[in-house]
Amino acid sequence: MSLFKRLLKSKSGSKRPSDSSQSKYYPEKSLPIDERFTYNFKKNGGKFLYCENFEETLEAFDSILLENDWYEKDVFCINENLSSRFEGFNLNYTNNTNAAFFISTCESLISSNGSILISSNQIKEKRLAELPFNIIIYCTTSQLVETISEGLRTIKNKHKGRIPSNITTIKDFETKKEKDFMSYGSTSKNLYLLLQEDL
């Protein structure tokens, strides 16, 4: 059932006791993990592009480059496998953080708050503030998890014996958003998410 049908049904359907701690505008707690992530990610200011296969991912990537005039620009990329997958766009992949944008994978997508879990596998020992302002994350639907703790368990299971360091989340994608106490110290980024179906 789509999000819109759920919202309409809850208004016109039978009354049920409401959770007083939850706003009526917040999505239902029973939303599927992918819908909850999408809602929270967009609420954080991220730009979301869903792709059914790698051909669609390349088309979406091309659209991002066109929209931002990033052809023939330097791209900060640590993952050589990723730079070879996205070759053919006349980009100069480099280790220089003063590039037009940063392209990377991630460890997990956190549904509960719409953040992206990354580690030294993606950013080495760099801090978020050292990364370019513009970021493109390429990931798959199998990387969706409910919470940060579940994401950390996934890292532990995936990298047995060699757990990466520098584990952090990117969750603030709007520079115009008013900062509050909870966002103190976070670094805003202009982030595009290329989410490819793999389930």
C-alpha atoms as a PDB file:
ATOM      1  CA  MET A   1       0.000   0.000   0.000  1.00  0.00           C
ATOM      2  CA  SER A   2       1.415   3.364  -0.968  1.00  0.00           C
ATOM      3  CA  LEU A   3       2.214   6.130   1.492  1.00  0.00           C
ATOM      4  CA  PHE A   4      -0.612   8.307   0.138  1.00  0.00           C
ATOM      5  CA  LYS A   5      -3.210   5.530   0.525  1.00  0.00           C
ATOM      6  CA  ARG A   6      -2.049   4.950   4.106  1.00  0.00           C
ATOM      7  CA  LEU A   7      -2.409   8.620   4.941  1.00  0.00           C
ATOM      8  CA  LEU A   8      -5.867   8.832   3.373  1.00  0.00           C
ATOM      9  CA  LYS A   9      -7.003   5.629   5.050  1.00  0.00           C
ATOM     10  CA  SER A  10      -5.859   6.818   8.479  1.00  0.00           C
ATOM     11  CA  LYS A  11      -7.930  10.023   8.114  1.00  0.00           C
ATOM     12  CA  SER A  12     -11.110   8.412   6.809  1.00  0.00           C
ATOM     13  CA  GLY A  13     -10.788   4.977   8.390  1.00  0.00           C
ATOM     14  CA  SER A  14     -11.556   3.823  11.884  1.00  0.00           C
ATOM     15  CA  LYS A  15     -10.240   5.777  14.836  1.00  0.00           C
ATOM     16  CA  ARG A  16      -7.410   4.192  16.689  1.00  0.00           C
ATOM     17  CA  PRO A  17      -5.590   5.351  19.791  1.00  0.00           C
ATOM     18  CA  SER A  18      -2.832   7.736  18.832  1.00  0.00           C
ATOM     19  CA  ASP A  19       0.627   7.800  20.296  1.00  0.00           C
ATOM     20  CA  SER A  20       0.803  11.159  22.076  1.00  0.00           C
ATOM     21  CA  SER A  21       4.589  11.332  21.637  1.00  0.00           C
ATOM     22  CA  GLN A  22       4.287  11.185  17.853  1.00  0.00           C
ATOM     23  CA  SER A  23       3.137  14.055  15.651  1.00  0.00           C
ATOM     24  CA  LYS A  24       0.238  13.346  13.292  1.00  0.00           C
ATOM     25  CA  TYR A  25       2.471  14.490  10.403  1.00  0.00           C
ATOM     26  CA  TYR A  26       5.219  11.977  11.145  1.00  0.00           C
ATOM     27  CA  PRO A  27       5.069   8.763   9.093  1.00  0.00           C
ATOM     28  CA  GLU A  28       3.607   5.677  10.711  1.00  0.00           C
ATOM     29  CA  LYS A  29       6.027   3.561  12.694  1.00  0.00           C
ATOM     30  CA  SER A  30       4.977   0.552  10.630  1.00  0.00           C
ATOM     31  CA  LEU A  31       6.194   2.031   7.327  1.00  0.00           C
ATOM     32  CA  PRO A  32       8.538  -0.290   5.429  1.00  0.00           C
ATOM     33  CA  ILE A  33      12.222   0.383   6.010  1.00  0.00           C
ATOM     34  CA  ASP A  34      12.785   1.806   2.518  1.00  0.00           C
ATOM     35  CA  GLU A  35       9.885   4.282   2.747  1.00  0.00           C
ATOM     36  CA  ARG A  36      10.974   5.407   6.213  1.00  0.00           C
ATOM     37  CA  PHE A  37      14.553   5.959   5.009  1.00  0.00           C
ATOM     38  CA  THR A  38      13.345   7.915   1.965  1.00  0.00           C
ATOM     39  CA  TYR A  39      11.115  10.120   4.120  1.00  0.00           C
ATOM     40  CA  ASN A  40      13.852  10.879   6.683  1.00  0.00           C
ATOM     41  CA  PHE A  41      16.593  11.322   4.064  1.00  0.00           C
ATOM     42  CA  LYS A  42      14.540  13.878   2.120  1.00  0.00           C
ATOM     43  CA  LYS A  43      13.547  15.601   5.371  1.00  0.00           C
ATOM     44  CA  ASN A  44      17.292  16.021   6.074  1.00  0.00           C
ATOM     45  CA  GLY A  45      17.655  17.739   2.685  1.00  0.00           C
ATOM     46  CA  GLY A  46      19.215  14.911   0.665  1.00  0.00           C
ATOM     47  CA  LYS A  47      18.609  14.347  -3.049  1.00  0.00           C
ATOM     48  CA  PHE A  48      17.408  10.819  -3.722  1.00  0.00           C
ATOM     49  CA  LEU A  49      17.557   8.954  -7.057  1.00  0.00           C
ATOM     50  CA  TYR A  50      16.188   5.399  -7.190  1.00  0.00           C
ATOM     51  CA  CYS A  51      17.569   3.180  -9.979  1.00  0.00           C
ATOM     52  CA  GLU A  52      16.385  -0.299 -10.954  1.00  0.00           C
ATOM     53  CA  ASN A  53      19.700  -1.322 -12.554  1.00  0.00           C
ATOM     54  CA  PHE A  54      23.203  -0.026 -13.266  1.00  0.00           C
ATOM     55  CA  GLU A  55      22.186   1.452 -16.636  1.00  0.00           C
ATOM     56  CA  GLU A  56      19.661   3.685 -14.837  1.00  0.00           C
ATOM     57  CA  THR A  57      22.343   4.540 -12.267  1.00  0.00           C
ATOM     58  CA  LEU A  58      24.654   5.739 -15.045  1.00  0.00           C
ATOM     59  CA  GLU A  59      21.816   7.834 -16.529  1.00  0.00           C
ATOM     60  CA  ALA A  60      21.109   9.400 -13.115  1.00  0.00           C
ATOM     61  CA  PHE A  61      24.830  10.065 -12.598  1.00  0.00           C
ATOM     62  CA  ASP A  62      24.984  11.747 -16.003  1.00  0.00           C
ATOM     63  CA  SER A  63      21.968  13.920 -15.062  1.00  0.00           C
ATOM     64  CA  ILE A  64      23.704  15.025 -11.844  1.00  0.00           C
ATOM     65  CA  LEU A  65      26.839  15.983 -13.785  1.00  0.00           C
ATOM     66  CA  LEU A  66      24.761  17.909 -16.319  1.00  0.00           C
ATOM     67  CA  GLU A  67      22.718  19.702 -13.641  1.00  0.00           C
ATOM     68  CA  ASN A  68      25.844  20.893 -11.824  1.00  0.00           C
ATOM     69  CA  ASP A  69      28.183  21.343 -14.826  1.00  0.00           C
ATOM     70  CA  TRP A  70      30.699  18.872 -13.386  1.00  0.00           C
ATOM     71  CA  TYR A  71      32.045  17.494 -16.678  1.00  0.00           C
ATOM     72  CA  GLU A  72      35.835  17.733 -17.056  1.00  0.00           C
ATOM     73  CA  LYS A  73      36.181  18.432 -13.313  1.00  0.00           C
ATOM     74  CA  ASP A  74      38.328  16.836 -10.610  1.00  0.00           C
ATOM     75  CA  VAL A  75      36.514  14.186  -8.565  1.00  0.00           C
ATOM     76  CA  PHE A  76      37.747  13.036  -5.166  1.00  0.00           C
ATOM     77  CA  CYS A  77      37.494   9.230  -5.133  1.00  0.00           C
ATOM     78  CA  ILE A  78      39.307   6.783  -2.865  1.00  0.00           C
ATOM     79  CA  ASN A  79      37.690   3.634  -4.293  1.00  0.00           C
ATOM     80  CA  GLU A  80      39.434   2.634  -7.557  1.00  0.00           C
ATOM     81  CA  ASN A  81      36.731   0.061  -8.292  1.00  0.00           C
ATOM     82  CA  LEU A  82      34.111   2.813  -8.129  1.00  0.00           C
ATOM     83  CA  SER A  83      36.055   5.197 -10.382  1.00  0.00           C
ATOM     84  CA  SER A  84      36.327   2.444 -13.019  1.00  0.00           C
ATOM     85  CA  ARG A  85      32.557   1.792 -12.826  1.00  0.00           C
ATOM     86  CA  PHE A  86      31.846   5.479 -13.484  1.00  0.00           C
ATOM     87  CA  GLU A  87      34.461   6.065 -16.176  1.00  0.00           C
ATOM     88  CA  GLY A  88      33.571   7.518 -19.551  1.00  0.00           C
ATOM     89  CA  PHE A  89      32.223  10.831 -18.249  1.00  0.00           C
ATOM     90  CA  ASN A  90      35.395  12.832 -18.929  1.00  0.00           C
ATOM     91  CA  LEU A  91      36.175  13.206 -15.212  1.00  0.00           C
ATOM     92  CA  ASN A  92      39.560  13.375 -13.523  1.00  0.00           C
ATOM     93  CA  TYR A  93      39.531  11.025 -10.514  1.00  0.00           C
ATOM     94  CA  THR A  94      42.009  12.226  -7.894  1.00  0.00           C
ATOM     95  CA  ASN A  95      42.992  11.992  -4.217  1.00  0.00           C
ATOM     96  CA  ASN A  96      42.761  15.774  -3.903  1.00  0.00           C
ATOM     97  CA  THR A  97      39.942  16.883  -1.574  1.00  0.00           C
ATOM     98  CA  ASN A  98      39.729  20.259  -3.362  1.00  0.00           C
ATOM     99  CA  ALA A  99      37.706  18.551  -6.102  1.00  0.00           C
ATOM    100  CA  ALA A 100      34.284  19.535  -7.464  1.00  0.00           C
ATOM    101  CA  PHE A 101      32.677  16.565  -5.703  1.00  0.00           C
ATOM    102  CA  PHE A 102      33.346  13.340  -3.818  1.00  0.00           C
ATOM    103  CA  ILE A 103      31.988  10.009  -5.039  1.00  0.00           C
ATOM    104  CA  SER A 104      31.832   7.044  -2.692  1.00  0.00           C
ATOM    105  CA  THR A 105      29.996   3.985  -1.492  1.00  0.00           C
ATOM    106  CA  CYS A 106      28.792   3.645   2.114  1.00  0.00           C
ATOM    107  CA  GLU A 107      28.495   1.017   4.827  1.00  0.00           C
ATOM    108  CA  SER A 108      24.737   1.338   5.472  1.00  0.00           C
ATOM    109  CA  LEU A 109      21.700   3.558   5.039  1.00  0.00           C
ATOM    110  CA  ILE A 110      20.043   4.252   8.401  1.00  0.00           C
ATOM    111  CA  SER A 111      16.259   4.240   8.125  1.00  0.00           C
ATOM    112  CA  SER A 112      15.445   5.662  11.581  1.00  0.00           C
ATOM    113  CA  ASN A 113      17.055   9.054  10.905  1.00  0.00           C
ATOM    114  CA  GLY A 114      17.810   9.096   7.151  1.00  0.00           C
ATOM    115  CA  SER A 115      21.583   9.197   7.623  1.00  0.00           C
ATOM    116  CA  ILE A 116      24.425   7.479   5.774  1.00  0.00           C
ATOM    117  CA  LEU A 117      26.936   5.370   7.723  1.00  0.00           C
ATOM    118  CA  ILE A 118      30.494   5.567   6.386  1.00  0.00           C
ATOM    119  CA  SER A 119      33.900   4.467   7.659  1.00  0.00           C
ATOM    120  CA  SER A 120      37.597   4.548   6.799  1.00  0.00           C
ATOM    121  CA  ASN A 121      36.758   2.173   3.933  1.00  0.00           C
ATOM    122  CA  GLN A 122      35.157   5.163   2.189  1.00  0.00           C
ATOM    123  CA  ILE A 123      36.959   8.226   3.603  1.00  0.00           C
ATOM    124  CA  LYS A 124      40.220   6.823   5.035  1.00  0.00           C
ATOM    125  CA  GLU A 125      41.070   8.967   8.082  1.00  0.00           C
ATOM    126  CA  LYS A 126      39.563  12.197   6.776  1.00  0.00           C
ATOM    127  CA  ARG A 127      37.000  14.172   8.746  1.00  0.00           C
ATOM    128  CA  LEU A 128      33.668  15.109   7.135  1.00  0.00           C
ATOM    129  CA  ALA A 129      34.741  18.761   7.124  1.00  0.00           C
ATOM    130  CA  GLU A 130      37.742  17.853   4.928  1.00  0.00           C
ATOM    131  CA  LEU A 131      35.571  16.281   2.219  1.00  0.00           C
ATOM    132  CA  PRO A 132      34.262  18.311  -0.731  1.00  0.00           C
ATOM    133  CA  PHE A 133      30.932  20.066  -0.129  1.00  0.00           C
ATOM    134  CA  ASN A 134      29.276  18.063  -2.947  1.00  0.00           C
ATOM    135  CA  ILE A 135      28.952  14.307  -2.442  1.00  0.00           C
ATOM    136  CA  ILE A 136      27.496  11.494  -4.544  1.00  0.00           C
ATOM    137  CA  ILE A 137      26.898   8.210  -2.697  1.00  0.00           C
ATOM    138  CA  TYR A 138      26.344   5.026  -4.711  1.00  0.00           C
ATOM    139  CA  CYS A 139      24.697   2.193  -2.771  1.00  0.00           C
ATOM    140  CA  THR A 140      22.184  -0.640  -3.038  1.00  0.00           C
ATOM    141  CA  THR A 141      18.850  -1.417  -1.382  1.00  0.00           C
ATOM    142  CA  SER A 142      20.402  -4.336   0.551  1.00  0.00           C
ATOM    143  CA  GLN A 143      22.371  -1.747   2.569  1.00  0.00           C
ATOM    144  CA  LEU A 144      19.219  -0.410   4.268  1.00  0.00           C
ATOM    145  CA  VAL A 145      19.118  -1.019   8.027  1.00  0.00           C
ATOM    146  CA  GLU A 146      16.810   0.219  10.794  1.00  0.00           C
ATOM    147  CA  THR A 147      19.226   1.809  13.269  1.00  0.00           C
ATOM    148  CA  ILE A 148      22.841   2.886  13.668  1.00  0.00           C
ATOM    149  CA  SER A 149      23.489  -0.031  16.023  1.00  0.00           C
ATOM    150  CA  GLU A 150      22.271  -2.437  13.329  1.00  0.00           C
ATOM    151  CA  GLY A 151      24.601  -0.697  10.864  1.00  0.00           C
ATOM    152  CA  LEU A 152      27.503  -1.145  13.278  1.00  0.00           C
ATOM    153  CA  ARG A 153      26.663  -4.851  13.641  1.00  0.00           C
ATOM    154  CA  THR A 154      26.697  -5.134   9.841  1.00  0.00           C
ATOM    155  CA  ILE A 155      30.176  -3.570   9.743  1.00  0.00           C
ATOM    156  CA  LYS A 156      31.379  -5.965  12.455  1.00  0.00           C
ATOM    157  CA  ASN A 157      30.024  -9.020  10.601  1.00  0.00           C
ATOM    158  CA  LYS A 158      31.226  -7.889   7.182  1.00  0.00           C
ATOM    159  CA  HIS A 159      34.761  -6.946   8.249  1.00  0.00           C
ATOM    160  CA  LYS A 160      35.549  -9.678  10.780  1.00  0.00           C
ATOM    161  CA  GLY A 161      39.002  -9.253  12.265  1.00  0.00           C
ATOM    162  CA  ARG A 162      39.617  -5.934  10.503  1.00  0.00           C
ATOM    163  CA  ILE A 163      36.897  -3.553  11.665  1.00  0.00           C
ATOM    164  CA  PRO A 164      37.402  -0.169   9.975  1.00  0.00           C
ATOM    165  CA  SER A 165      38.134   2.940  11.998  1.00  0.00           C
ATOM    166  CA  ASN A 166      36.701   6.440  11.564  1.00  0.00           C
ATOM    167  CA  ILE A 167      33.052   5.309  11.582  1.00  0.00           C
ATOM    168  CA  THR A 168      30.635   8.240  11.292  1.00  0.00           C
ATOM    169  CA  THR A 169      27.311   9.276   9.789  1.00  0.00           C
ATOM    170  CA  ILE A 170      26.424  11.984   7.298  1.00  0.00           C
ATOM    171  CA  LYS A 171      22.971  13.297   8.133  1.00  0.00           C
ATOM    172  CA  ASP A 172      22.825  17.024   7.450  1.00  0.00           C
ATOM    173  CA  PHE A 173      22.287  17.829   3.779  1.00  0.00           C
ATOM    174  CA  GLU A 174      20.917  21.388   3.973  1.00  0.00           C
ATOM    175  CA  THR A 175      23.021  24.463   4.555  1.00  0.00           C
ATOM    176  CA  LYS A 176      20.018  26.783   4.899  1.00  0.00           C
ATOM    177  CA  LYS A 177      18.483  24.744   7.694  1.00  0.00           C
ATOM    178  CA  GLU A 178      18.525  26.462  11.081  1.00  0.00           C
ATOM    179  CA  LYS A 179      20.997  24.741  13.386  1.00  0.00           C
ATOM    180  CA  ASP A 180      19.966  23.616  16.835  1.00  0.00           C
ATOM    181  CA  PHE A 181      21.860  22.200  19.792  1.00  0.00           C
ATOM    182  CA  MET A 182      21.600  18.619  18.486  1.00  0.00           C
ATOM    183  CA  SER A 183      23.242  19.515  15.169  1.00  0.00           C
ATOM    184  CA  TYR A 184      26.185  21.346  16.769  1.00  0.00           C
ATOM    185  CA  GLY A 185      29.461  20.253  15.182  1.00  0.00           C
ATOM    186  CA  SER A 186      27.837  18.544  12.201  1.00  0.00           C
ATOM    187  CA  THR A 187      28.982  19.451   8.708  1.00  0.00           C
ATOM    188  CA  SER A 188      26.348  20.214   6.066  1.00  0.00           C
ATOM    189  CA  LYS A 189      26.887  18.617   2.662  1.00  0.00           C
ATOM    190  CA  ASN A 190      25.119  18.792  -0.691  1.00  0.00           C
ATOM    191  CA  LEU A 191      24.435  15.079  -1.089  1.00  0.00           C
ATOM    192  CA  TYR A 192      23.029  12.991  -3.933  1.00  0.00           C
ATOM    193  CA  LEU A 193      22.135   9.357  -3.265  1.00  0.00           C
ATOM    194  CA  LEU A 194      22.133   6.876  -6.152  1.00  0.00           C
ATOM    195  CA  LEU A 195      20.201   3.937  -4.673  1.00  0.00           C
ATOM    196  CA  GLN A 196      20.262   0.869  -6.927  1.00  0.00           C
ATOM    197  CA  GLU A 197      17.853  -2.049  -6.519  1.00  0.00           C
ATOM    198  CA  ASP A 198      19.613  -5.347  -5.796  1.00  0.00           C
ATOM    199  CA  LEU A 199      16.983  -7.370  -3.902  1.00  0.00           C
END
